[in-house]
PDB file of N, CA and C in Angstrom:
ATOM      1  N   MET A   1      15.361   2.839   1.989  1.00  0.00           N
ATOM      2  CA  MET A   1      14.376   3.576   2.751  1.00  0.00           C
ATOM      3  C   MET A   1      13.361   4.164   1.778  1.00  0.00           C
ATOM      4  N   ILE A   2      12.147   4.265   2.195  1.00  0.00           N
ATOM      5  CA  ILE A   2      11.074   4.816   1.365  1.00  0.00           C
ATOM      6  C   ILE A   2      11.217   6.334   1.300  1.00  0.00           C
ATOM      7  N   SER A   3      11.072   6.887   0.112  1.00  0.00           N
ATOM      8  CA  SER A   3      11.188   8.336  -0.057  1.00  0.00           C
ATOM      9  C   SER A   3       9.836   9.011   0.159  1.00  0.00           C
ATOM     10  N   LYS A   4       9.883  10.311   0.360  1.00  0.00           N
ATOM     11  CA  LYS A   4       8.660  11.097   0.535  1.00  0.00           C
ATOM     12  C   LYS A   4       7.784  10.980  -0.710  1.00  0.00           C
ATOM     13  N   SER A   5       8.383  10.972  -1.885  1.00  0.00           N
ATOM     14  CA  SER A   5       7.594  10.875  -3.123  1.00  0.00           C
ATOM     15  C   SER A   5       6.890   9.517  -3.223  1.00  0.00           C
ATOM     16  N   GLN A   6       7.530   8.448  -2.738  1.00  0.00           N
ATOM     17  CA  GLN A   6       6.879   7.134  -2.738  1.00  0.00           C
ATOM     18  C   GLN A   6       5.687   7.129  -1.778  1.00  0.00           C
ATOM     19  N   ILE A   7       5.847   7.744  -0.629  1.00  0.00           N
ATOM     20  CA  ILE A   7       4.733   7.842   0.324  1.00  0.00           C
ATOM     21  C   ILE A   7       3.599   8.638  -0.301  1.00  0.00           C
ATOM     22  N   ASP A   8       3.935   9.750  -0.950  1.00  0.00           N
ATOM     23  CA  ASP A   8       2.918  10.577  -1.610  1.00  0.00           C
ATOM     24  C   ASP A   8       2.156   9.788  -2.676  1.00  0.00           C
ATOM     25  N   GLU A   9       2.867   8.942  -3.430  1.00  0.00           N
ATOM     26  CA  GLU A   9       2.223   8.120  -4.459  1.00  0.00           C
ATOM     27  C   GLU A   9       1.220   7.146  -3.840  1.00  0.00           C
ATOM     28  N   VAL A  10       1.604   6.517  -2.742  1.00  0.00           N
ATOM     29  CA  VAL A  10       0.713   5.561  -2.073  1.00  0.00           C
ATOM     30  C   VAL A  10      -0.505   6.282  -1.506  1.00  0.00           C
ATOM     31  N   VAL A  11      -0.279   7.429  -0.877  1.00  0.00           N
ATOM     32  CA  VAL A  11      -1.401   8.205  -0.331  1.00  0.00           C
ATOM     33  C   VAL A  11      -2.346   8.620  -1.452  1.00  0.00           C
ATOM     34  N   LYS A  12      -1.792   9.062  -2.576  1.00  0.00           N
ATOM     35  CA  LYS A  12      -2.620   9.467  -3.719  1.00  0.00           C
ATOM     36  C   LYS A  12      -3.473   8.291  -4.205  1.00  0.00           C
ATOM     37  N   ALA A  13      -2.875   7.107  -4.321  1.00  0.00           N
ATOM     38  CA  ALA A  13      -3.609   5.923  -4.771  1.00  0.00           C
ATOM     39  C   ALA A  13      -4.712   5.555  -3.786  1.00  0.00           C
ATOM     40  N   ILE A  14      -4.431   5.651  -2.499  1.00  0.00           N
ATOM     41  CA  ILE A  14      -5.454   5.351  -1.479  1.00  0.00           C
ATOM     42  C   ILE A  14      -6.616   6.321  -1.608  1.00  0.00           C
ATOM     43  N   VAL A  15      -6.295   7.601  -1.716  1.00  0.00           N
ATOM     44  CA  VAL A  15      -7.341   8.626  -1.819  1.00  0.00           C
ATOM     45  C   VAL A  15      -8.176   8.437  -3.088  1.00  0.00           C
ATOM     46  N   GLU A  16      -7.518   8.172  -4.208  1.00  0.00           N
ATOM     47  CA  GLU A  16      -8.243   8.005  -5.475  1.00  0.00           C
ATOM     48  C   GLU A  16      -9.127   6.766  -5.480  1.00  0.00           C
ATOM     49  N   ASN A  17      -8.685   5.686  -4.854  1.00  0.00           N
ATOM     50  CA  ASN A  17      -9.432   4.431  -4.903  1.00  0.00           C
ATOM     51  C   ASN A  17     -10.452   4.248  -3.782  1.00  0.00           C
ATOM     52  N   TYR A  18     -10.192   4.863  -2.624  1.00  0.00           N
ATOM     53  CA  TYR A  18     -11.060   4.601  -1.469  1.00  0.00           C
ATOM     54  C   TYR A  18     -11.743   5.839  -0.903  1.00  0.00           C
ATOM     55  N   GLU A  19     -11.337   7.016  -1.339  1.00  0.00           N
ATOM     56  CA  GLU A  19     -11.923   8.280  -0.910  1.00  0.00           C
ATOM     57  C   GLU A  19     -12.058   8.400   0.618  1.00  0.00           C
ATOM     58  N   PRO A  20     -10.972   8.164   1.363  1.00  0.00           N
ATOM     59  CA  PRO A  20     -11.060   8.283   2.823  1.00  0.00           C
ATOM     60  C   PRO A  20     -11.173   9.747   3.232  1.00  0.00           C
ATOM     61  N   GLU A  21     -11.676   9.990   4.430  1.00  0.00           N
ATOM     62  CA  GLU A  21     -11.741  11.347   4.953  1.00  0.00           C
ATOM     63  C   GLU A  21     -10.336  11.873   5.246  1.00  0.00           C
ATOM     64  N   GLN A  22      -9.457  10.964   5.679  1.00  0.00           N
ATOM     65  CA  GLN A  22      -8.073  11.339   5.922  1.00  0.00           C
ATOM     66  C   GLN A  22      -7.187  10.107   5.896  1.00  0.00           C
ATOM     67  N   VAL A  23      -5.904  10.329   5.677  1.00  0.00           N
ATOM     68  CA  VAL A  23      -4.912   9.263   5.703  1.00  0.00           C
ATOM     69  C   VAL A  23      -3.918   9.644   6.791  1.00  0.00           C
ATOM     70  N   ILE A  24      -3.749   8.759   7.757  1.00  0.00           N
ATOM     71  CA  ILE A  24      -2.869   9.046   8.889  1.00  0.00           C
ATOM     72  C   ILE A  24      -1.651   8.137   8.804  1.00  0.00           C
ATOM     73  N   LEU A  25      -0.483   8.745   8.847  1.00  0.00           N
ATOM     74  CA  LEU A  25       0.776   8.010   8.793  1.00  0.00           C
ATOM     75  C   LEU A  25       1.282   7.804  10.209  1.00  0.00           C
ATOM     76  N   PHE A  26       1.553   6.550  10.564  1.00  0.00           N
ATOM     77  CA  PHE A  26       2.056   6.212  11.885  1.00  0.00           C
ATOM     78  C   PHE A  26       3.517   5.800  11.792  1.00  0.00           C
ATOM     79  N   GLY A  27       4.187   5.782  12.902  1.00  0.00           N
ATOM     80  CA  GLY A  27       5.547   5.259  12.971  1.00  0.00           C
ATOM     81  C   GLY A  27       6.607   6.314  12.782  1.00  0.00           C
ATOM     82  N   SER A  28       7.797   5.838  12.451  1.00  0.00           N
ATOM     83  CA  SER A  28       8.957   6.730  12.383  1.00  0.00           C
ATOM     84  C   SER A  28       8.824   7.774  11.275  1.00  0.00           C
ATOM     85  N   TYR A  29       8.141   7.447  10.192  1.00  0.00           N
ATOM     86  CA  TYR A  29       7.958   8.435   9.130  1.00  0.00           C
ATOM     87  C   TYR A  29       7.049   9.566   9.593  1.00  0.00           C
ATOM     88  N   ALA A  30       6.050   9.254  10.386  1.00  0.00           N
ATOM     89  CA  ALA A  30       5.129  10.271  10.878  1.00  0.00           C
ATOM     90  C   ALA A  30       5.843  11.256  11.797  1.00  0.00           C
ATOM     91  N   SER A  31       6.795  10.771  12.573  1.00  0.00           N
ATOM     92  CA  SER A  31       7.520  11.646  13.494  1.00  0.00           C
ATOM     93  C   SER A  31       8.730  12.296  12.842  1.00  0.00           C
ATOM     94  N   GLY A  32       8.998  11.927  11.587  1.00  0.00           N
ATOM     95  CA  GLY A  32      10.108  12.514  10.864  1.00  0.00           C
ATOM     96  C   GLY A  32      11.453  11.866  11.138  1.00  0.00           C
ATOM     97  N   VAL A  33      11.436  10.706  11.786  1.00  0.00           N
ATOM     98  CA  VAL A  33      12.678   9.996  12.109  1.00  0.00           C
ATOM     99  C   VAL A  33      12.583   8.591  11.527  1.00  0.00           C
ATOM    100  N   ALA A  34      12.641   8.484  10.215  1.00  0.00           N
ATOM    101  CA  ALA A  34      12.488   7.190   9.550  1.00  0.00           C
ATOM    102  C   ALA A  34      13.735   6.342   9.719  1.00  0.00           C
ATOM    103  N   PHE A  35      13.540   5.041   9.848  1.00  0.00           N
ATOM    104  CA  PHE A  35      14.623   4.095  10.029  1.00  0.00           C
ATOM    105  C   PHE A  35      14.748   3.197   8.807  1.00  0.00           C
ATOM    106  N   GLU A  36      15.930   2.653   8.599  1.00  0.00           N
ATOM    107  CA  GLU A  36      16.109   1.609   7.610  1.00  0.00           C
ATOM    108  C   GLU A  36      15.375   0.375   8.125  1.00  0.00           C
ATOM    109  N   ALA A  37      14.880  -0.466   7.245  1.00  0.00           N
ATOM    110  CA  ALA A  37      14.118  -1.654   7.650  1.00  0.00           C
ATOM    111  C   ALA A  37      14.915  -2.542   8.587  1.00  0.00           C
ATOM    112  N   GLY A  38      16.195  -2.749   8.321  1.00  0.00           N
ATOM    113  CA  GLY A  38      17.022  -3.592   9.173  1.00  0.00           C
ATOM    114  C   GLY A  38      17.106  -3.067  10.585  1.00  0.00           C
ATOM    115  N   GLU A  39      17.159  -1.759  10.725  1.00  0.00           N
ATOM    116  CA  GLU A  39      17.218  -1.162  12.055  1.00  0.00           C
ATOM    117  C   GLU A  39      15.911  -1.386  12.792  1.00  0.00           C
ATOM    118  N   VAL A  40      14.792  -1.289  12.091  1.00  0.00           N
ATOM    119  CA  VAL A  40      13.490  -1.525  12.719  1.00  0.00           C
ATOM    120  C   VAL A  40      13.402  -2.966  13.212  1.00  0.00           C
ATOM    121  N   ILE A  41      13.834  -3.902  12.370  1.00  0.00           N
ATOM    122  CA  ILE A  41      13.805  -5.316  12.764  1.00  0.00           C
ATOM    123  C   ILE A  41      14.694  -5.539  13.975  1.00  0.00           C
ATOM    124  N   HIS A  42      15.870  -4.946  13.973  1.00  0.00           N
ATOM    125  CA  HIS A  42      16.790  -5.070  15.098  1.00  0.00           C
ATOM    126  C   HIS A  42      16.143  -4.539  16.379  1.00  0.00           C
ATOM    127  N   LYS A  43      15.517  -3.372  16.305  1.00  0.00           N
ATOM    128  CA  LYS A  43      14.856  -2.794  17.479  1.00  0.00           C
ATOM    129  C   LYS A  43      13.706  -3.683  17.941  1.00  0.00           C
ATOM    130  N   ALA A  44      12.946  -4.260  17.003  1.00  0.00           N
ATOM    131  CA  ALA A  44      11.840  -5.147  17.361  1.00  0.00           C
ATOM    132  C   ALA A  44      12.354  -6.393  18.066  1.00  0.00           C
ATOM    133  N   GLU A  45      13.457  -6.944  17.583  1.00  0.00           N
ATOM    134  CA  GLU A  45      14.037  -8.128  18.218  1.00  0.00           C
ATOM    135  C   GLU A  45      14.533  -7.799  19.619  1.00  0.00           C
ATOM    136  N   ASN A  46      15.147  -6.629  19.783  1.00  0.00           N
ATOM    137  CA  ASN A  46      15.593  -6.212  21.116  1.00  0.00           C
ATOM    138  C   ASN A  46      14.403  -6.063  22.055  1.00  0.00           C
ATOM    139  N   PHE A  47      13.312  -5.492  21.557  1.00  0.00           N
ATOM    140  CA  PHE A  47      12.114  -5.314  22.375  1.00  0.00           C
ATOM    141  C   PHE A  47      11.523  -6.678  22.741  1.00  0.00           C
ATOM    142  N   ARG A  48      11.474  -7.579  21.772  1.00  0.00           N
ATOM    143  CA  ARG A  48      10.947  -8.929  22.021  1.00  0.00           C
ATOM    144  C   ARG A  48      11.774  -9.627  23.095  1.00  0.00           C
ATOM    145  N   THR A  49      13.087  -9.533  22.990  1.00  0.00           N
ATOM    146  CA  THR A  49      13.974 -10.150  23.975  1.00  0.00           C
ATOM    147  C   THR A  49      13.735  -9.551  25.357  1.00  0.00           C
ATOM    148  N   PHE A  50      13.579  -8.231  25.420  1.00  0.00           N
ATOM    149  CA  PHE A  50      13.317  -7.556  26.685  1.00  0.00           C
ATOM    150  C   PHE A  50      12.013  -8.033  27.310  1.00  0.00           C
ATOM    151  N   ILE A  51      10.947  -8.091  26.511  1.00  0.00           N
ATOM    152  CA  ILE A  51       9.629  -8.506  27.015  1.00  0.00           C
ATOM    153  C   ILE A  51       9.692  -9.958  27.493  1.00  0.00           C
ATOM    154  N   LEU A  52      10.302 -10.824  26.708  1.00  0.00           N
ATOM    155  CA  LEU A  52      10.383 -12.243  27.106  1.00  0.00           C
ATOM    156  C   LEU A  52      11.207 -12.417  28.380  1.00  0.00           C
ATOM    157  N   SER A  53      12.164 -11.567  28.609  1.00  0.00           N
ATOM    158  CA  SER A  53      12.984 -11.680  29.831  1.00  0.00           C
ATOM    159  C   SER A  53      12.185 -11.294  31.062  1.00  0.00           C
ATOM    160  N   LYS A  54      11.068 -10.585  30.881  1.00  0.00           N
ATOM    161  CA  LYS A  54      10.242 -10.139  32.013  1.00  0.00           C
ATOM    162  C   LYS A  54       9.140 -11.142  32.374  1.00  0.00           C
ATOM    163  N   ILE A  55       8.974 -12.154  31.533  1.00  0.00           N
ATOM    164  CA  ILE A  55       7.885 -13.130  31.765  1.00  0.00           C
ATOM    165  C   ILE A  55       8.367 -14.215  32.695  1.00  0.00           C
TER     166      ILE A  55
END
């Protein structure tokens, strides 16, 4: 899982190189409920299966 310090490093690099007005974090990290990558993939596959079953 990505640590807070790794996120801070990426945000710092974005700000230094692109000078954005703001950097907005979306997803589970933004809400404070970060998932392991495997869990995200599993949830995405479940969602895909659900959507395809409705077509």
